[in-house]
Amino acid sequence: MAKQFTYMVKTPAKDLVRVIEEKLQGQMVLTGDEKSGKMEGKGFKGRYQIEELEKGTKVSLIIDQKPWMISWVLIQSKMDAMARTW
């Protein structure tokens, strides 16, 4: 069951993928560009979409696969904490 997380951040789309890659270095591999792509690692598979808006950058992360033992609540809290640094 996939779950989507959406965040509004101030980092421009052209820099956001680099920032996310730095935060996930050694944990997940991102393939794509500043508009969309895929991520995979440590039992997770997902997709991302980035949209530049007047009020900031909208980031949508869709987790398609996760380890069964990790709850969505834990993922939500980790994603929320990480997104604040974007």
C-alpha atoms as a PDB file:
ATOM      1  CA  MET A   1       0.000   0.000   0.000  1.00  0.00           C
ATOM      2  CA  ALA A   2       1.568   3.296  -1.115  1.00  0.00           C
ATOM      3  CA  LYS A   3       1.476   6.401   1.032  1.00  0.00           C
ATOM      4  CA  GLN A   4       2.093   9.994  -0.057  1.00  0.00           C
ATOM      5  CA  PHE A   5       3.791  12.758   1.918  1.00  0.00           C
ATOM      6  CA  THR A   6       3.632  16.361   0.671  1.00  0.00           C
ATOM      7  CA  TYR A   7       5.722  19.308   1.873  1.00  0.00           C
ATOM      8  CA  MET A   8       6.140  22.962   0.950  1.00  0.00           C
ATOM      9  CA  VAL A   9       9.755  24.085   1.244  1.00  0.00           C
ATOM     10  CA  LYS A  10      11.705  27.241   0.414  1.00  0.00           C
ATOM     11  CA  THR A  11      14.617  25.551  -1.375  1.00  0.00           C
ATOM     12  CA  PRO A  12      14.393  26.076  -5.165  1.00  0.00           C
ATOM     13  CA  ALA A  13      13.631  22.924  -7.167  1.00  0.00           C
ATOM     14  CA  LYS A  14      16.997  23.101  -8.952  1.00  0.00           C
ATOM     15  CA  ASP A  15      18.800  22.710  -5.598  1.00  0.00           C
ATOM     16  CA  LEU A  16      16.340  20.449  -3.802  1.00  0.00           C
ATOM     17  CA  VAL A  17      17.381  17.108  -5.318  1.00  0.00           C
ATOM     18  CA  ARG A  18      20.995  17.797  -4.311  1.00  0.00           C
ATOM     19  CA  VAL A  19      19.899  18.636  -0.749  1.00  0.00           C
ATOM     20  CA  ILE A  20      17.775  15.480  -0.491  1.00  0.00           C
ATOM     21  CA  GLU A  21      20.576  13.326  -1.927  1.00  0.00           C
ATOM     22  CA  GLU A  22      22.973  14.717   0.697  1.00  0.00           C
ATOM     23  CA  LYS A  23      20.503  13.919   3.509  1.00  0.00           C
ATOM     24  CA  LEU A  24      19.921  10.373   2.242  1.00  0.00           C
ATOM     25  CA  GLN A  25      23.525   9.639   1.248  1.00  0.00           C
ATOM     26  CA  GLY A  26      24.394   6.025   1.953  1.00  0.00           C
ATOM     27  CA  GLN A  27      20.778   5.175   2.735  1.00  0.00           C
ATOM     28  CA  MET A  28      18.868   5.581  -0.532  1.00  0.00           C
ATOM     29  CA  VAL A  29      19.674   6.121  -4.193  1.00  0.00           C
ATOM     30  CA  LEU A  30      17.773   8.793  -6.099  1.00  0.00           C
ATOM     31  CA  THR A  31      17.423   8.644  -9.884  1.00  0.00           C
ATOM     32  CA  GLY A  32      15.740  11.460 -11.739  1.00  0.00           C
ATOM     33  CA  ASP A  33      15.906  15.238 -11.926  1.00  0.00           C
ATOM     34  CA  GLU A  34      14.482  18.362 -10.285  1.00  0.00           C
ATOM     35  CA  LYS A  35      10.957  17.473 -11.456  1.00  0.00           C
ATOM     36  CA  SER A  36      10.510  13.763 -10.748  1.00  0.00           C
ATOM     37  CA  GLY A  37      12.301  10.531 -10.103  1.00  0.00           C
ATOM     38  CA  LYS A  38      12.586   7.356  -8.075  1.00  0.00           C
ATOM     39  CA  MET A  39      14.271   6.413  -4.816  1.00  0.00           C
ATOM     40  CA  GLU A  40      15.315   3.042  -3.490  1.00  0.00           C
ATOM     41  CA  GLY A  41      17.263   1.621  -0.573  1.00  0.00           C
ATOM     42  CA  LYS A  42      17.110  -0.204   2.765  1.00  0.00           C
ATOM     43  CA  GLY A  43      13.900  -2.018   1.795  1.00  0.00           C
ATOM     44  CA  PHE A  44      12.149   1.145   0.598  1.00  0.00           C
ATOM     45  CA  LYS A  45      11.015   2.012  -2.912  1.00  0.00           C
ATOM     46  CA  GLY A  46       9.285   5.207  -3.868  1.00  0.00           C
ATOM     47  CA  ARG A  47       8.864   8.143  -6.195  1.00  0.00           C
ATOM     48  CA  TYR A  48       9.102  11.891  -5.915  1.00  0.00           C
ATOM     49  CA  GLN A  49       7.648  14.867  -7.759  1.00  0.00           C
ATOM     50  CA  ILE A  50       8.818  18.448  -7.328  1.00  0.00           C
ATOM     51  CA  GLU A  51       6.838  21.460  -8.466  1.00  0.00           C
ATOM     52  CA  GLU A  52       8.033  25.066  -8.333  1.00  0.00           C
ATOM     53  CA  LEU A  53       5.224  27.374  -7.161  1.00  0.00           C
ATOM     54  CA  GLU A  54       5.059  31.087  -6.349  1.00  0.00           C
ATOM     55  CA  LYS A  55       4.907  30.405  -2.615  1.00  0.00           C
ATOM     56  CA  GLY A  56       7.715  27.831  -2.594  1.00  0.00           C
ATOM     57  CA  THR A  57       8.564  24.353  -3.806  1.00  0.00           C
ATOM     58  CA  LYS A  58       6.030  21.538  -3.435  1.00  0.00           C
ATOM     59  CA  VAL A  59       7.589  18.137  -2.816  1.00  0.00           C
ATOM     60  CA  SER A  60       5.496  14.971  -3.059  1.00  0.00           C
ATOM     61  CA  LEU A  61       7.063  11.724  -1.890  1.00  0.00           C
ATOM     62  CA  ILE A  62       5.230   8.482  -2.552  1.00  0.00           C
ATOM     63  CA  ILE A  63       6.464   5.434  -0.665  1.00  0.00           C
ATOM     64  CA  ASP A  64       5.465   2.334  -2.667  1.00  0.00           C
ATOM     65  CA  GLN A  65       7.267  -0.281  -0.590  1.00  0.00           C
ATOM     66  CA  LYS A  66       8.571  -0.346   2.980  1.00  0.00           C
ATOM     67  CA  PRO A  67       9.826  -2.999   5.393  1.00  0.00           C
ATOM     68  CA  TRP A  68       6.768  -4.508   7.093  1.00  0.00           C
ATOM     69  CA  MET A  69       8.169  -3.927  10.587  1.00  0.00           C
ATOM     70  CA  ILE A  70       8.420  -0.138  10.184  1.00  0.00           C
ATOM     71  CA  SER A  71       5.183   1.710  10.925  1.00  0.00           C
ATOM     72  CA  TRP A  72       3.768   4.532   8.847  1.00  0.00           C
ATOM     73  CA  VAL A  73       3.733   6.669  12.017  1.00  0.00           C
ATOM     74  CA  LEU A  74       7.509   6.297  12.368  1.00  0.00           C
ATOM     75  CA  ILE A  75       8.027   7.057   8.674  1.00  0.00           C
ATOM     76  CA  GLN A  76       5.795  10.140   8.961  1.00  0.00           C
ATOM     77  CA  SER A  77       7.758  11.503  11.935  1.00  0.00           C
ATOM     78  CA  LYS A  78      11.127  10.900  10.241  1.00  0.00           C
ATOM     79  CA  MET A  79       9.950  12.479   6.976  1.00  0.00           C
ATOM     80  CA  ASP A  80       8.509  15.510   8.792  1.00  0.00           C
ATOM     81  CA  ALA A  81      11.773  16.040  10.683  1.00  0.00           C
ATOM     82  CA  MET A  82      13.889  15.652   7.536  1.00  0.00           C
ATOM     83  CA  ALA A  83      11.681  17.950   5.432  1.00  0.00           C
ATOM     84  CA  ARG A  84      12.248  20.806   7.895  1.00  0.00           C
ATOM     85  CA  THR A  85      15.925  20.798   6.841  1.00  0.00           C
ATOM     86  CA  TRP A  86      15.162  21.115   3.114  1.00  0.00           C
END
